[in-house]
C-alpha atoms as a PDB file:
ATOM      1  CA  MET A   1      -0.059   0.092  -0.006  1.00  0.00           C
ATOM      2  CA  LEU A   2       2.924   2.200   0.618  1.00  0.00           C
ATOM      3  CA  LYS A   3       3.866   1.808  -3.121  1.00  0.00           C
ATOM      4  CA  LEU A   4       0.250   2.141  -4.246  1.00  0.00           C
ATOM      5  CA  LEU A   5      -0.340   5.329  -2.443  1.00  0.00           C
ATOM      6  CA  ASN A   6       2.998   6.722  -3.262  1.00  0.00           C
ATOM      7  CA  VAL A   7       4.047   7.207   0.394  1.00  0.00           C
ATOM      8  CA  VAL A   8       7.632   7.546   1.931  1.00  0.00           C
ATOM      9  CA  VAL A   9       8.446   7.248   5.510  1.00  0.00           C
ATOM     10  CA  VAL A  10      10.382  10.374   6.751  1.00  0.00           C
ATOM     11  CA  VAL A  11      12.165   9.941  10.088  1.00  0.00           C
ATOM     12  CA  PRO A  12      14.031  13.065  11.586  1.00  0.00           C
ATOM     13  CA  THR A  13      16.633  12.155  14.095  1.00  0.00           C
ATOM     14  CA  TYR A  14      18.891  13.898  16.676  1.00  0.00           C
ATOM     15  CA  ASN A  15      21.068  11.943  19.087  1.00  0.00           C
ATOM     16  CA  ASN A  16      18.696   8.987  19.383  1.00  0.00           C
ATOM     17  CA  ASP A  17      21.421   6.327  18.809  1.00  0.00           C
ATOM     18  CA  ARG A  18      19.963   4.048  21.571  1.00  0.00           C
ATOM     19  CA  TYR A  19      16.839   3.369  19.468  1.00  0.00           C
ATOM     20  CA  LEU A  20      17.540   4.417  15.924  1.00  0.00           C
ATOM     21  CA  GLU A  21      18.813   1.188  14.627  1.00  0.00           C
ATOM     22  CA  THR A  22      15.749  -0.710  15.844  1.00  0.00           C
ATOM     23  CA  VAL A  23      13.395   1.832  14.323  1.00  0.00           C
ATOM     24  CA  ILE A  24      15.145   1.729  10.819  1.00  0.00           C
ATOM     25  CA  GLU A  25      15.330  -2.131  10.672  1.00  0.00           C
ATOM     26  CA  ALA A  26      11.656  -2.327  11.355  1.00  0.00           C
ATOM     27  CA  LEU A  27      10.744   0.147   8.737  1.00  0.00           C
ATOM     28  CA  LEU A  28      13.081  -1.511   6.218  1.00  0.00           C
ATOM     29  CA  ALA A  29      11.285  -4.766   6.784  1.00  0.00           C
ATOM     30  CA  LEU A  30       8.347  -3.186   5.137  1.00  0.00           C
ATOM     31  CA  THR A  31       9.810  -0.854   2.511  1.00  0.00           C
ATOM     32  CA  SER A  32      12.875   0.687   1.199  1.00  0.00           C
ATOM     33  CA  ASP A  33      11.108   3.988   0.654  1.00  0.00           C
ATOM     34  CA  VAL A  34      12.535   5.444   3.808  1.00  0.00           C
ATOM     35  CA  ILE A  35      14.194   8.948   4.191  1.00  0.00           C
ATOM     36  CA  VAL A  36      16.211   9.581   7.392  1.00  0.00           C
ATOM     37  CA  VAL A  37      17.083  13.211   8.280  1.00  0.00           C
ATOM     38  CA  ASN A  38      20.067  13.429  10.496  1.00  0.00           C
ATOM     39  CA  ASP A  39      19.588  16.889  12.168  1.00  0.00           C
ATOM     40  CA  GLY A  40      23.227  17.410  13.164  1.00  0.00           C
ATOM     41  CA  SER A  41      23.608  14.373  15.649  1.00  0.00           C
ATOM     42  CA  THR A  42      26.687  14.315  17.760  1.00  0.00           C
ATOM     43  CA  ASP A  43      26.494  10.878  19.037  1.00  0.00           C
ATOM     44  CA  THR A  44      26.998   7.502  16.936  1.00  0.00           C
ATOM     45  CA  THR A  45      24.040   8.274  14.633  1.00  0.00           C
ATOM     46  CA  ALA A  46      26.141   8.784  11.679  1.00  0.00           C
ATOM     47  CA  ASP A  47      28.019   5.503  12.145  1.00  0.00           C
ATOM     48  CA  ILE A  48      24.597   3.767  12.466  1.00  0.00           C
ATOM     49  CA  LEU A  49      23.267   5.306   9.288  1.00  0.00           C
ATOM     50  CA  GLN A  50      26.412   4.514   7.313  1.00  0.00           C
ATOM     51  CA  LYS A  51      25.691   0.923   7.935  1.00  0.00           C
ATOM     52  CA  GLN A  52      22.550   1.479   6.124  1.00  0.00           C
ATOM     53  CA  ALA A  53      23.965   3.033   3.148  1.00  0.00           C
ATOM     54  CA  GLY A  54      22.153   1.939  -0.020  1.00  0.00           C
ATOM     55  CA  ARG A  55      19.187   0.576   1.843  1.00  0.00           C
ATOM     56  CA  LEU A  56      17.605   4.099   2.506  1.00  0.00           C
ATOM     57  CA  THR A  57      17.831   7.568   1.596  1.00  0.00           C
ATOM     58  CA  LEU A  58      19.975   9.841   3.969  1.00  0.00           C
ATOM     59  CA  VAL A  59      19.862  13.496   4.363  1.00  0.00           C
ATOM     60  CA  SER A  60      22.455  14.890   6.722  1.00  0.00           C
ATOM     61  CA  TYR A  61      23.967  18.252   7.777  1.00  0.00           C
ATOM     62  CA  PRO A  62      26.568  19.087  10.449  1.00  0.00           C
ATOM     63  CA  HIS A  63      24.628  21.358  12.918  1.00  0.00           C
ATOM     64  CA  ASN A  64      21.316  20.803  14.597  1.00  0.00           C
ATOM     65  CA  LYS A  65      18.607  23.012  13.231  1.00  0.00           C
ATOM     66  CA  GLY A  66      15.454  21.593  14.896  1.00  0.00           C
ATOM     67  CA  LYS A  67      12.774  19.135  14.110  1.00  0.00           C
ATOM     68  CA  GLY A  68      10.818  21.408  12.054  1.00  0.00           C
ATOM     69  CA  PHE A  69      13.740  22.142   9.786  1.00  0.00           C
ATOM     70  CA  ALA A  70      14.496  18.496   9.580  1.00  0.00           C
ATOM     71  CA  LEU A  71      10.970  17.676   8.568  1.00  0.00           C
ATOM     72  CA  ARG A  72      10.918  20.397   5.910  1.00  0.00           C
ATOM     73  CA  THR A  73      14.126  19.116   4.592  1.00  0.00           C
ATOM     74  CA  GLY A  74      12.681  15.597   4.395  1.00  0.00           C
ATOM     75  CA  PHE A  75       9.700  16.876   2.554  1.00  0.00           C
ATOM     76  CA  GLN A  76      11.760  18.614  -0.035  1.00  0.00           C
ATOM     77  CA  LYS A  77      13.645  15.295  -0.604  1.00  0.00           C
ATOM     78  CA  ALA A  78      10.499  13.408  -0.832  1.00  0.00           C
ATOM     79  CA  LEU A  79       8.968  15.702  -3.404  1.00  0.00           C
ATOM     80  CA  ALA A  80      12.269  15.644  -5.473  1.00  0.00           C
ATOM     81  CA  LEU A  81      11.954  11.834  -5.477  1.00  0.00           C
ATOM     82  CA  GLY A  82       8.484  12.112  -6.756  1.00  0.00           C
ATOM     83  CA  PHE A  83       6.397  11.004  -3.726  1.00  0.00           C
ATOM     84  CA  ASP A  84       2.965  12.419  -2.987  1.00  0.00           C
ATOM     85  CA  TYR A  85       2.881  11.727   0.675  1.00  0.00           C
ATOM     86  CA  ALA A  86       5.289  11.657   3.702  1.00  0.00           C
ATOM     87  CA  LEU A  87       4.545   9.453   6.562  1.00  0.00           C
ATOM     88  CA  THR A  88       6.480  10.855   9.554  1.00  0.00           C
ATOM     89  CA  MET A  89       7.877   8.905  12.593  1.00  0.00           C
ATOM     90  CA  ASP A  90       9.916   9.790  15.504  1.00  0.00           C
ATOM     91  CA  SER A  91      13.265   7.827  16.000  1.00  0.00           C
ATOM     92  CA  ASP A  92      12.854   6.962  19.670  1.00  0.00           C
ATOM     93  CA  SER A  93      10.786   3.893  19.354  1.00  0.00           C
ATOM     94  CA  GLN A  94       7.558   5.790  20.787  1.00  0.00           C
ATOM     95  CA  HIS A  95       5.890   5.114  17.564  1.00  0.00           C
ATOM     96  CA  LYS A  96       4.895   1.529  16.458  1.00  0.00           C
ATOM     97  CA  VAL A  97       5.448   0.483  12.918  1.00  0.00           C
ATOM     98  CA  ALA A  98       2.285  -1.924  13.171  1.00  0.00           C
ATOM     99  CA  ASN A  99       0.302   1.314  13.135  1.00  0.00           C
ATOM    100  CA  ILE A 100       1.512   2.263   9.531  1.00  0.00           C
ATOM    101  CA  VAL A 101      -1.297   0.132   8.065  1.00  0.00           C
ATOM    102  CA  ASP A 102      -3.889   2.076   9.925  1.00  0.00           C
ATOM    103  CA  PHE A 103      -2.604   5.315   8.315  1.00  0.00           C
ATOM    104  CA  LEU A 104      -2.634   3.788   4.990  1.00  0.00           C
ATOM    105  CA  ASN A 105      -6.262   2.589   5.290  1.00  0.00           C
ATOM    106  CA  GLU A 106      -7.265   5.997   6.246  1.00  0.00           C
ATOM    107  CA  LEU A 107      -5.385   7.531   3.544  1.00  0.00           C
ATOM    108  CA  GLU A 108      -6.941   5.258   1.096  1.00  0.00           C
ATOM    109  CA  GLN A 109     -10.564   6.279   2.385  1.00  0.00           C
ATOM    110  CA  HIS A 110      -9.509  10.040   2.447  1.00  0.00           C
ATOM    111  CA  PRO A 111      -6.944  10.780  -0.251  1.00  0.00           C
ATOM    112  CA  GLY A 112      -5.332  14.378   0.133  1.00  0.00           C
ATOM    113  CA  SER A 113      -5.970  14.508   4.027  1.00  0.00           C
ATOM    114  CA  LEU A 114      -3.337  15.198   6.562  1.00  0.00           C
ATOM    115  CA  ILE A 115      -3.736  12.329   9.101  1.00  0.00           C
ATOM    116  CA  VAL A 116      -2.423  12.473  12.777  1.00  0.00           C
ATOM    117  CA  GLY A 117      -2.042   9.558  15.163  1.00  0.00           C
ATOM    118  CA  SER A 118      -3.864  10.469  18.314  1.00  0.00           C
ATOM    119  CA  ARG A 119      -2.355   8.968  21.480  1.00  0.00           C
ATOM    120  CA  LEU A 120      -4.338   8.151  24.493  1.00  0.00           C
ATOM    121  CA  LEU A 121      -3.549  10.723  27.186  1.00  0.00           C
ATOM    122  CA  GLN A 122      -3.234   8.230  29.979  1.00  0.00           C
ATOM    123  CA  GLN A 123      -0.583   5.906  28.413  1.00  0.00           C
ATOM    124  CA  PRO A 124       1.789   4.017  30.848  1.00  0.00           C
ATOM    125  CA  ASN A 125       4.789   6.124  31.801  1.00  0.00           C
ATOM    126  CA  MET A 126       3.480   9.152  29.841  1.00  0.00           C
ATOM    127  CA  PRO A 127       5.134  12.397  31.366  1.00  0.00           C
ATOM    128  CA  GLU A 128       2.589  14.673  32.870  1.00  0.00           C
ATOM    129  CA  ARG A 129       3.978  17.435  30.957  1.00  0.00           C
ATOM    130  CA  ASN A 130       3.020  15.895  27.785  1.00  0.00           C
ATOM    131  CA  THR A 131      -0.486  15.558  28.932  1.00  0.00           C
ATOM    132  CA  PHE A 132      -0.644  19.218  29.825  1.00  0.00           C
ATOM    133  CA  ALA A 133       1.265  20.409  26.636  1.00  0.00           C
ATOM    134  CA  ASN A 134      -1.301  18.464  24.405  1.00  0.00           C
ATOM    135  CA  LYS A 135      -4.351  19.912  26.180  1.00  0.00           C
ATOM    136  CA  PHE A 136      -2.874  23.341  26.072  1.00  0.00           C
ATOM    137  CA  SER A 137      -2.151  22.996  22.495  1.00  0.00           C
ATOM    138  CA  ASN A 138      -5.543  21.526  21.502  1.00  0.00           C
ATOM    139  CA  PHE A 139      -7.270  24.359  23.260  1.00  0.00           C
ATOM    140  CA  TRP A 140      -5.419  27.117  21.134  1.00  0.00           C
ATOM    141  CA  PHE A 141      -5.812  25.004  18.027  1.00  0.00           C
ATOM    142  CA  ARG A 142      -9.641  25.203  18.428  1.00  0.00           C
ATOM    143  CA  ILE A 143      -9.359  28.909  19.050  1.00  0.00           C
ATOM    144  CA  GLN A 144      -7.273  29.416  15.786  1.00  0.00           C
ATOM    145  CA  THR A 145      -9.157  27.061  13.616  1.00  0.00           C
ATOM    146  CA  GLY A 146     -12.678  26.304  14.902  1.00  0.00           C
ATOM    147  CA  ILE A 147     -11.789  22.567  14.944  1.00  0.00           C
ATOM    148  CA  SER A 148     -11.693  20.278  18.042  1.00  0.00           C
ATOM    149  CA  PHE A 149      -8.840  17.970  17.526  1.00  0.00           C
ATOM    150  CA  PRO A 150      -7.790  15.263  19.930  1.00  0.00           C
ATOM    151  CA  ASP A 151      -3.981  15.321  19.507  1.00  0.00           C
ATOM    152  CA  THR A 152      -2.175  18.271  17.941  1.00  0.00           C
ATOM    153  CA  GLN A 153       1.334  17.343  19.528  1.00  0.00           C
ATOM    154  CA  SER A 154       1.801  13.888  17.822  1.00  0.00           C
ATOM    155  CA  GLY A 155       4.608  13.445  15.293  1.00  0.00           C
ATOM    156  CA  PHE A 156       3.225  10.302  13.807  1.00  0.00           C
ATOM    157  CA  ARG A 157       1.448  11.791  10.732  1.00  0.00           C
ATOM    158  CA  VAL A 158       0.715  11.561   7.007  1.00  0.00           C
ATOM    159  CA  TYR A 159       1.415  14.702   5.193  1.00  0.00           C
ATOM    160  CA  PRO A 160      -0.028  15.517   1.646  1.00  0.00           C
ATOM    161  CA  LEU A 161       3.212  17.061   0.240  1.00  0.00           C
ATOM    162  CA  HIS A 162       1.909  18.852  -2.866  1.00  0.00           C
ATOM    163  CA  ALA A 163      -0.803  20.611  -0.682  1.00  0.00           C
ATOM    164  CA  LEU A 164       2.052  21.887   1.689  1.00  0.00           C
ATOM    165  CA  LYS A 165       4.846  22.673  -0.850  1.00  0.00           C
ATOM    166  CA  LYS A 166       3.621  26.223  -1.441  1.00  0.00           C
ATOM    167  CA  MET A 167       3.584  27.123   2.308  1.00  0.00           C
ATOM    168  CA  ARG A 168       6.186  29.201   4.060  1.00  0.00           C
ATOM    169  CA  PHE A 169       6.644  28.413   7.680  1.00  0.00           C
ATOM    170  CA  ILE A 170       8.074  30.695  10.298  1.00  0.00           C
ATOM    171  CA  THR A 171       9.103  28.056  12.778  1.00  0.00           C
ATOM    172  CA  SER A 172      11.943  25.446  12.779  1.00  0.00           C
ATOM    173  CA  ARG A 173      11.632  23.408  15.997  1.00  0.00           C
ATOM    174  CA  TYR A 174       9.108  21.520  17.878  1.00  0.00           C
ATOM    175  CA  GLU A 175       6.464  24.061  17.242  1.00  0.00           C
ATOM    176  CA  THR A 176       6.529  23.501  13.480  1.00  0.00           C
ATOM    177  CA  GLU A 177       4.370  20.498  13.718  1.00  0.00           C
ATOM    178  CA  LEU A 178       1.528  22.672  15.330  1.00  0.00           C
ATOM    179  CA  GLU A 179       2.236  25.464  12.702  1.00  0.00           C
ATOM    180  CA  MET A 180       1.744  23.006   9.923  1.00  0.00           C
ATOM    181  CA  LEU A 181      -1.579  21.711  11.325  1.00  0.00           C
ATOM    182  CA  VAL A 182      -2.975  25.166  11.770  1.00  0.00           C
ATOM    183  CA  ARG A 183      -1.941  26.295   8.336  1.00  0.00           C
ATOM    184  CA  ALA A 184      -3.353  23.063   6.753  1.00  0.00           C
ATOM    185  CA  ALA A 185      -6.740  23.759   8.458  1.00  0.00           C
ATOM    186  CA  TRP A 186      -6.813  27.292   6.839  1.00  0.00           C
ATOM    187  CA  GLU A 187      -6.030  25.985   3.572  1.00  0.00           C
ATOM    188  CA  GLY A 188      -8.971  23.668   3.699  1.00  0.00           C
ATOM    189  CA  ILE A 189      -6.966  20.447   3.786  1.00  0.00           C
ATOM    190  CA  GLU A 190      -9.000  17.728   5.479  1.00  0.00           C
ATOM    191  CA  LEU A 191      -7.697  16.749   8.843  1.00  0.00           C
ATOM    192  CA  ARG A 192      -8.108  13.150  10.044  1.00  0.00           C
ATOM    193  CA  ALA A 193      -7.296  11.595  13.436  1.00  0.00           C
ATOM    194  CA  ILE A 194      -6.778   7.969  14.168  1.00  0.00           C
ATOM    195  CA  PRO A 195      -6.025   6.207  17.483  1.00  0.00           C
ATOM    196  CA  ILE A 196      -2.379   4.899  17.892  1.00  0.00           C
ATOM    197  CA  ASP A 197      -0.380   3.105  20.465  1.00  0.00           C
ATOM    198  CA  VAL A 198       2.742   4.740  21.944  1.00  0.00           C
ATOM    199  CA  TYR A 199       5.492   3.398  24.027  1.00  0.00           C
ATOM    200  CA  TYR A 200       6.917   5.629  26.638  1.00  0.00           C
ATOM    201  CA  PRO A 201      10.198   4.211  28.152  1.00  0.00           C
ATOM    202  CA  PRO A 202      10.547   4.348  32.035  1.00  0.00           C
ATOM    203  CA  GLU A 203      11.898   7.654  33.437  1.00  0.00           C
ATOM    204  CA  GLY A 204      15.702   6.642  33.323  1.00  0.00           C
ATOM    205  CA  GLU A 205      15.568   5.261  29.860  1.00  0.00           C
ATOM    206  CA  ARG A 206      13.634   8.119  28.151  1.00  0.00           C
ATOM    207  CA  ILE A 207      15.475  10.404  25.601  1.00  0.00           C
ATOM    208  CA  SER A 208      13.968  13.758  25.153  1.00  0.00           C
ATOM    209  CA  HIS A 209      15.334  16.856  23.558  1.00  0.00           C
ATOM    210  CA  PHE A 210      12.279  18.975  24.427  1.00  0.00           C
ATOM    211  CA  HIS A 211      13.408  21.899  26.663  1.00  0.00           C
ATOM    212  CA  PRO A 212      10.320  22.480  28.865  1.00  0.00           C
ATOM    213  CA  TYR A 213      10.809  26.251  29.421  1.00  0.00           C
ATOM    214  CA  ARG A 214      12.353  27.331  26.307  1.00  0.00           C
ATOM    215  CA  ASP A 215      10.347  25.231  23.889  1.00  0.00           C
ATOM    216  CA  PHE A 216       7.035  26.012  25.951  1.00  0.00           C
ATOM    217  CA  MET A 217       7.896  29.719  25.441  1.00  0.00           C
ATOM    218  CA  ARG A 218       8.283  29.151  21.624  1.00  0.00           C
ATOM    219  CA  ILE A 219       4.979  27.426  21.508  1.00  0.00           C
ATOM    220  CA  SER A 220       3.261  30.152  23.408  1.00  0.00           C
ATOM    221  CA  LEU A 221       4.688  32.831  21.153  1.00  0.00           C
ATOM    222  CA  LEU A 222       3.602  30.784  18.218  1.00  0.00           C
ATOM    223  CA  ASN A 223       0.181  30.448  19.494  1.00  0.00           C
ATOM    224  CA  THR A 224       0.028  34.229  20.167  1.00  0.00           C
ATOM    225  CA  VAL A 225       0.997  35.041  16.451  1.00  0.00           C
ATOM    226  CA  LEU A 226      -1.343  32.247  15.024  1.00  0.00           C
ATOM    227  CA  THR A 227      -4.402  33.510  16.967  1.00  0.00           C
ATOM    228  CA  PHE A 228      -3.774  37.017  15.683  1.00  0.00           C
ATOM    229  CA  ALA A 229      -3.253  35.731  12.074  1.00  0.00           C
ATOM    230  CA  ALA A 230      -6.521  33.545  12.558  1.00  0.00           C
ATOM    231  CA  MET A 231      -8.473  36.778  12.811  1.00  0.00           C
ATOM    232  CA  VAL A 232      -7.033  38.658   9.899  1.00  0.00           C
ATOM    233  CA  TYR A 233      -6.282  35.559   7.577  1.00  0.00           C
ATOM    234  CA  GLY A 234      -7.286  32.110   8.783  1.00  0.00           C
ATOM    235  CA  TYR A 235     -10.851  32.590   9.636  1.00  0.00           C
ATOM    236  CA  PRO A 236     -11.639  34.679   6.319  1.00  0.00           C
ATOM    237  CA  LYS A 237      -9.836  32.023   4.415  1.00  0.00           C
ATOM    238  CA  ILE A 238     -11.824  29.240   5.915  1.00  0.00           C
ATOM    239  CA  LEU A 239     -15.106  31.341   5.288  1.00  0.00           C
ATOM    240  CA  SER A 240     -14.184  31.932   1.634  1.00  0.00           C
ATOM    241  CA  LYS A 241     -13.665  28.194   0.967  1.00  0.00           C
ATOM    242  CA  LYS A 242     -17.003  27.441   2.480  1.00  0.00           C
ATOM    243  CA  LEU A 243     -18.697  30.099   0.316  1.00  0.00           C
ATOM    244  CA  ILE A 244     -17.168  28.890  -2.969  1.00  0.00           C
END
């Protein structure tokens, strides 16, 4: 179905060498259409990816530029290779490869949509800050788009590449995924949510590059900008599409 629907898997990664190889091997058991974006990792990520040379497509640059930048770089590569959709997964083993078929089934029924994997907010070992951040983000997303959505923070998604390629985004780190979702809603792209399973390692084994204060400030600033933009651009855009 990945071939049939012309979907490539895009995996942004930064200093996740503990889990990266396991994720890649699981994906390559399904498909060779995998793009890994090495976002300036300083651990053994480069060595792990070198072992996979010829089995996947690698995009790499020397300095960390953020998850949003990595995603946009992966999307540009996917478009250059002729793909219509990018299925994005994190490289820390939180997302389960088995759920990919659920995304493909949803995409087959709703072509052209942006599909987000919705996590249960009471998963075992789920950090409390994740639950708060998701509820906070969902609230502002509803203000900015008029849409109630169950999980605006999940990175397990399918993006319609051609619908996004003309958009210019102002963010480059964790908050980019929220910006993409809001902008897609304004442009009339259908948003779909499907339930997914997520694995959260115990506290001592967890790898996270999310900086609670700095990144929360970035998200808060973005929400301020998007709320203002919704009034002058987003809602008029949505209304105009409904009237056409």
